[in-house]
Protein backbone atom coordinates (compact mmCIF):
# COMPACT_ATOMS: atom_id res chain seq x y z
CA MET A 1 103.26 115.95 112.80
CA SER A 2 101.60 118.43 110.49
CA VAL A 3 101.05 122.10 111.31
CA PHE A 4 97.50 122.53 112.56
CA PHE A 5 97.28 126.17 113.69
CA ASN A 6 99.47 128.85 112.16
CA ILE A 7 99.86 132.59 112.73
CA SER A 8 101.90 134.59 110.21
CA ASN A 9 103.08 138.23 110.48
CA TYR A 10 100.09 138.84 112.74
CA SER A 11 99.34 142.14 114.42
CA CYS A 12 96.26 143.13 116.39
CA GLY A 13 95.33 145.54 119.15
CA TYR A 14 93.53 148.73 119.96
CA THR A 15 93.80 151.76 117.71
CA SER A 16 92.93 155.22 118.98
CA THR A 17 89.35 154.85 117.71
CA ARG A 18 88.93 151.55 119.61
CA ARG A 19 90.63 152.69 122.81
CA ARG A 20 88.53 152.11 125.92
CA ARG A 21 91.18 152.71 128.59
CA ASP A 22 94.82 153.79 128.54
CA ASP A 23 95.94 150.21 129.19
CA ASP A 24 93.99 149.04 126.15
CA ALA A 25 96.12 151.19 123.80
CA PHE A 26 98.30 148.20 123.00
CA CYS A 27 99.19 146.21 119.90
CA LEU A 28 100.84 142.92 119.09
CA HIS A 29 103.43 143.16 116.34
CA ASP A 30 104.55 140.61 113.74
CA VAL A 31 103.61 137.49 115.67
CA ASN A 32 104.68 134.23 114.02
CA PHE A 33 104.17 130.78 115.45
CA SER A 34 102.63 127.43 114.64
CA VAL A 35 101.17 124.57 116.65
CA ASN A 36 101.08 120.97 115.47
CA LYS A 37 97.91 118.93 115.71
CA GLY A 38 97.42 117.37 119.14
CA THR A 39 99.90 119.68 120.88
CA PHE A 40 99.34 121.16 124.34
CA ALA A 41 100.82 124.66 124.00
CA GLY A 42 101.07 127.49 126.52
CA ILE A 43 101.26 131.27 126.16
CA ILE A 44 103.22 132.96 128.95
CA GLY A 45 104.65 136.39 129.69
CA PRO A 46 104.51 139.29 132.17
CA ASN A 47 101.39 141.36 132.74
CA GLY A 48 100.82 143.62 129.76
CA SER A 49 103.01 141.55 127.44
CA GLY A 50 100.23 140.68 124.97
CA LYS A 51 98.82 137.35 126.15
CA THR A 52 95.23 138.58 126.54
CA THR A 53 95.38 140.59 123.32
CA LEU A 54 96.43 137.45 121.42
CA PHE A 55 93.67 135.46 123.12
CA ARG A 56 91.11 138.04 122.00
CA GLY A 57 92.50 137.98 118.48
CA ILE A 58 92.34 134.19 118.15
CA SER A 59 88.86 134.00 119.68
CA GLY A 60 87.58 136.63 117.25
CA LEU A 61 86.94 139.40 119.76
CA LEU A 62 89.60 141.62 118.24
CA PRO A 63 90.12 142.03 114.47
CA ALA A 64 93.54 141.62 112.90
CA LEU A 65 95.43 144.73 111.84
CA SER A 66 97.67 142.67 109.55
CA GLY A 67 98.80 139.11 108.92
CA SER A 68 96.82 135.90 108.98
CA MET A 69 95.62 132.98 111.08
CA GLU A 70 95.01 129.53 109.64
CA ILE A 71 93.53 126.27 110.90
CA GLU A 72 94.54 123.30 108.75
CA GLY A 73 95.49 125.68 105.96
CA LYS A 74 92.18 127.58 105.98
CA GLN A 75 92.08 131.29 106.75
CA LEU A 76 90.12 132.05 109.92
CA SER A 77 89.15 135.43 108.50
CA GLY A 78 86.98 133.62 105.97
CA PHE A 79 85.01 131.67 108.59
CA SER A 80 81.50 132.63 109.61
CA LEU A 81 80.78 132.86 113.35
CA ARG A 82 79.16 129.41 113.18
CA GLU A 83 82.18 127.90 111.39
CA ARG A 84 84.60 129.50 113.84
CA ALA A 85 82.60 128.12 116.78
CA ARG A 86 82.77 124.63 115.28
CA HIS A 87 86.55 124.83 115.08
CA ILE A 88 87.51 126.83 118.19
CA ALA A 89 86.00 126.50 121.66
CA VAL A 90 86.89 129.19 124.19
CA VAL A 91 87.03 128.88 127.98
CA THR A 92 87.51 132.28 129.60
CA GLN A 93 89.20 133.05 132.90
CA THR A 94 85.93 133.87 134.65
CA VAL A 95 82.97 131.57 134.08
CA ASP A 96 79.60 133.30 133.98
CA ALA A 97 77.62 131.96 136.94
CA VAL A 98 74.30 132.06 135.11
CA PRO A 99 71.07 130.78 136.73
CA LEU A 100 70.94 127.71 134.48
CA ARG A 101 71.15 124.05 135.35
CA VAL A 102 74.58 122.61 134.56
CA GLU A 103 73.17 120.39 131.80
CA GLU A 104 71.42 123.36 130.18
CA TYR A 105 74.65 125.34 130.37
CA VAL A 106 76.73 122.55 128.80
CA LEU A 107 74.14 122.07 126.03
CA MET A 108 74.75 125.67 124.94
CA GLY A 109 77.88 124.27 123.32
CA ARG A 110 75.65 122.66 120.66
CA LEU A 111 74.28 125.99 119.39
CA PRO A 112 76.69 126.14 116.40
CA TYR A 113 75.17 122.87 115.18
CA TYR A 114 71.49 123.79 115.51
CA HIS A 115 69.46 123.54 112.33
CA ARG A 116 67.25 126.35 111.18
CA PHE A 117 64.08 126.48 113.30
CA GLN A 118 65.53 123.94 115.78
CA PHE A 119 64.12 124.85 119.17
CA PHE A 120 64.93 121.74 121.20
CA ASP A 121 68.05 119.70 121.89
CA SER A 122 68.27 116.50 119.88
CA HIS A 123 69.13 113.07 121.31
CA THR A 124 72.60 113.51 119.79
CA ASP A 125 73.05 116.87 121.53
CA ILE A 126 72.04 115.44 124.90
CA SER A 127 74.20 112.34 124.43
CA LEU A 128 77.29 114.42 123.62
CA ALA A 129 76.69 116.81 126.51
CA ARG A 130 76.38 113.96 128.98
CA ARG A 131 79.48 112.22 127.60
CA TYR A 132 81.57 115.32 128.21
CA MET A 133 79.98 115.99 131.58
CA GLU A 134 81.11 112.49 132.55
CA GLN A 135 84.62 113.12 131.25
CA THR A 136 84.87 116.37 133.20
CA ASP A 137 83.27 114.85 136.29
CA VAL A 138 80.26 117.17 136.50
CA ILE A 139 77.58 114.66 135.46
CA HIS A 140 76.48 114.31 139.09
CA LEU A 141 75.92 118.09 139.15
CA LYS A 142 73.77 118.22 136.00
CA ASP A 143 70.62 119.33 137.83
CA LYS A 144 72.32 121.92 140.04
CA LEU A 145 72.39 125.59 139.11
CA MET A 146 75.68 127.03 137.90
CA THR A 147 75.37 129.63 140.65
CA GLU A 148 75.49 126.83 143.24
CA LEU A 149 78.85 125.44 142.07
CA SER A 150 82.33 126.11 143.41
CA GLY A 151 84.91 127.84 141.20
CA GLY A 152 86.55 124.54 140.25
CA GLU A 153 83.19 122.94 139.42
CA GLN A 154 82.20 125.93 137.28
CA GLN A 155 85.50 125.67 135.41
CA ARG A 156 84.93 121.96 134.70
CA ALA A 157 81.39 122.71 133.51
CA ALA A 158 82.78 125.39 131.18
CA ILE A 159 85.27 122.88 129.76
CA ALA A 160 82.42 120.38 129.27
CA ARG A 161 80.46 123.02 127.34
CA ALA A 162 83.52 123.79 125.20
CA LEU A 163 84.03 120.09 124.42
CA THR A 164 80.36 119.75 123.50
CA GLN A 165 81.14 122.13 120.61
CA GLU A 166 83.37 119.31 119.33
CA PRO A 167 86.16 121.77 118.45
CA SER A 168 89.51 121.00 116.90
CA LEU A 169 91.20 123.73 118.98
CA LEU A 170 90.52 124.36 122.68
CA LEU A 171 91.51 127.90 123.69
CA LEU A 172 91.79 128.59 127.43
CA ASP A 173 92.46 131.85 129.25
CA GLU A 174 93.97 131.29 132.70
CA PRO A 175 91.89 128.18 133.52
CA THR A 176 93.57 127.86 136.94
CA ALA A 177 93.15 131.49 138.04
CA HIS A 178 91.62 131.89 141.51
CA LEU A 179 91.88 128.14 142.20
CA ASP A 180 93.86 126.49 144.98
CA ILE A 181 96.68 124.10 144.14
CA THR A 182 94.45 121.01 144.35
CA HIS A 183 91.96 122.38 141.83
CA GLN A 184 94.72 123.80 139.63
CA VAL A 185 96.27 120.36 139.26
CA ARG A 186 92.88 118.72 138.80
CA ILE A 187 91.92 121.09 135.96
CA LEU A 188 95.27 120.76 134.20
CA ASN A 189 95.31 116.97 134.63
CA LEU A 190 91.87 116.94 133.00
CA ILE A 191 93.02 119.10 130.07
CA SER A 192 96.15 116.96 129.67
CA HIS A 193 94.00 113.80 129.66
CA LEU A 194 91.71 115.26 126.97
CA ASN A 195 94.74 116.28 124.94
CA ASP A 196 96.26 112.79 125.16
CA ASN A 197 93.12 110.74 124.65
CA MET A 198 91.12 112.87 122.21
CA GLY A 199 94.00 114.30 120.21
CA LEU A 200 92.63 117.74 121.06
CA THR A 201 94.93 120.66 120.25
CA VAL A 202 95.13 122.99 123.25
CA LEU A 203 96.35 126.59 123.41
CA MET A 204 96.36 127.96 126.96
CA VAL A 205 97.18 131.40 128.36
CA ILE A 206 98.70 130.94 131.82
CA HIS A 207 100.65 133.04 134.33
CA ASP A 208 102.16 130.29 136.46
CA LEU A 209 105.51 129.38 134.90
CA ASN A 210 105.84 126.11 136.79
CA LEU A 211 102.40 124.88 135.75
CA ALA A 212 103.13 125.95 132.17
CA SER A 213 106.43 124.07 132.20
CA GLU A 214 104.99 120.92 133.77
CA TYR A 215 101.95 120.52 131.53
CA CYS A 216 102.79 122.11 128.17
CA GLU A 217 104.84 120.61 125.35
CA GLN A 218 105.37 123.97 123.65
CA LEU A 219 105.64 127.47 125.12
CA LEU A 220 105.35 130.91 123.59
CA LEU A 221 106.88 133.67 125.73
CA PHE A 222 105.62 137.21 125.03
CA ASN A 223 107.22 140.48 125.99
CA HIS A 224 106.25 144.02 124.94
CA GLY A 225 103.76 142.78 122.35
CA ARG A 226 106.18 140.49 120.56
CA VAL A 227 107.25 136.86 120.73
CA HIS A 228 110.46 136.86 122.77
CA THR A 229 111.16 133.11 122.79
CA SER A 230 109.34 129.95 121.76
CA GLY A 231 110.04 126.24 121.98
CA THR A 232 109.90 123.44 124.51
CA PRO A 233 109.80 124.23 128.25
CA ALA A 234 113.54 123.45 128.37
CA ASP A 235 114.13 126.02 125.61
CA VAL A 236 112.09 128.76 127.28
CA ILE A 237 112.21 128.24 131.06
CA ASN A 238 115.79 129.04 132.05
CA TRP A 239 117.03 131.59 134.55
CA ASN A 240 118.62 133.88 131.96
CA THR A 241 115.49 134.20 129.79
CA ILE A 242 113.12 134.54 132.76
CA GLU A 243 115.24 137.20 134.46
CA GLN A 244 115.55 139.13 131.20
CA VAL A 245 111.80 139.15 130.48
CA TYR A 246 110.35 139.36 133.99
CA GLN A 247 113.09 141.55 135.48
CA THR A 248 113.07 139.34 138.57
CA PRO A 249 115.91 137.21 139.98
CA VAL A 250 115.18 133.48 139.78
CA VAL A 251 116.83 130.10 139.99
CA THR A 252 115.80 127.21 137.73
CA ARG A 253 116.20 123.52 138.44
CA ILE A 254 114.88 120.29 136.91
CA ASN A 255 111.88 118.42 138.33
CA PRO A 256 113.28 114.93 139.08
CA TYR A 257 109.97 113.25 138.16
CA SER A 258 109.02 114.98 134.91
CA GLY A 259 112.39 116.27 133.76
CA LYS A 260 110.79 119.71 133.21
CA PRO A 261 112.36 122.97 134.45
CA VAL A 262 111.09 124.54 137.67
CA VAL A 263 111.42 128.23 138.63
CA PHE A 264 112.33 129.35 142.15
CA LEU A 265 112.00 132.98 143.18
CA VAL A 266 114.78 134.67 145.15
CA SER A 267 113.84 137.29 147.75
CA GLU A 268 115.83 140.51 147.97
CA LYS A 269 117.36 139.62 151.33
CA ASN A 270 118.64 136.30 149.94
CA LEU A 271 120.11 137.67 146.71
CA GLY A 272 123.58 137.74 148.19
CA LYS A 273 123.42 134.00 148.91
CA ARG A 274 122.77 133.06 145.29
């Protein structure tokens, strides 16, 4: 496989002139990693470790302080907003429940492809939107308002809108946050299916270590604004690394079905039994 997305000697964050709150005075330092085309990769780490800062940097919300980002050998810094939107689609943790019909919301993903003075969606735009609404199982909701949907339905609609951009990289920030276990698995099964069947490269920020291990092929573990460990789930999810980074006692075992590592927490009263 060839390298698709590459970050070299990358730093970004909030300088004193950009500081909004004390907890925003944070920088990533010398981040280096690459993702092959068609890979499902996860970004994990404790609160405040740099996951969200990296997400903002990749999505273009935060400028680089140093280093570079490349997609297929092309510098992202040289992309216009339209070009960036054609390459990277972003699904944030909280979906804006706007008073739009689901189909109208999904069609917003076609904006980077609008021609000058185009005021209406083309047949191609509508066809693509409906294809991805079918794939994400929201086609039956196309005439409902986004404000009328459940959290899981809103998340699937947001993924449909992102896919309608026809990106080469899908960037997700905590797509399973605030969802119960049924909807968590449903969303991640959907993303995994899209990754397998469309060859879509996926980079996902996620807190849940077990979900990250089960679904991702590659993990990037952050701590204190730097990459602590990267590799396969087996390389990253082990009791020694997790205890060192999260400062929490754990036990790791292997899922007998997937062969992926699983993390078990240990309560204080049971520490002596370990």
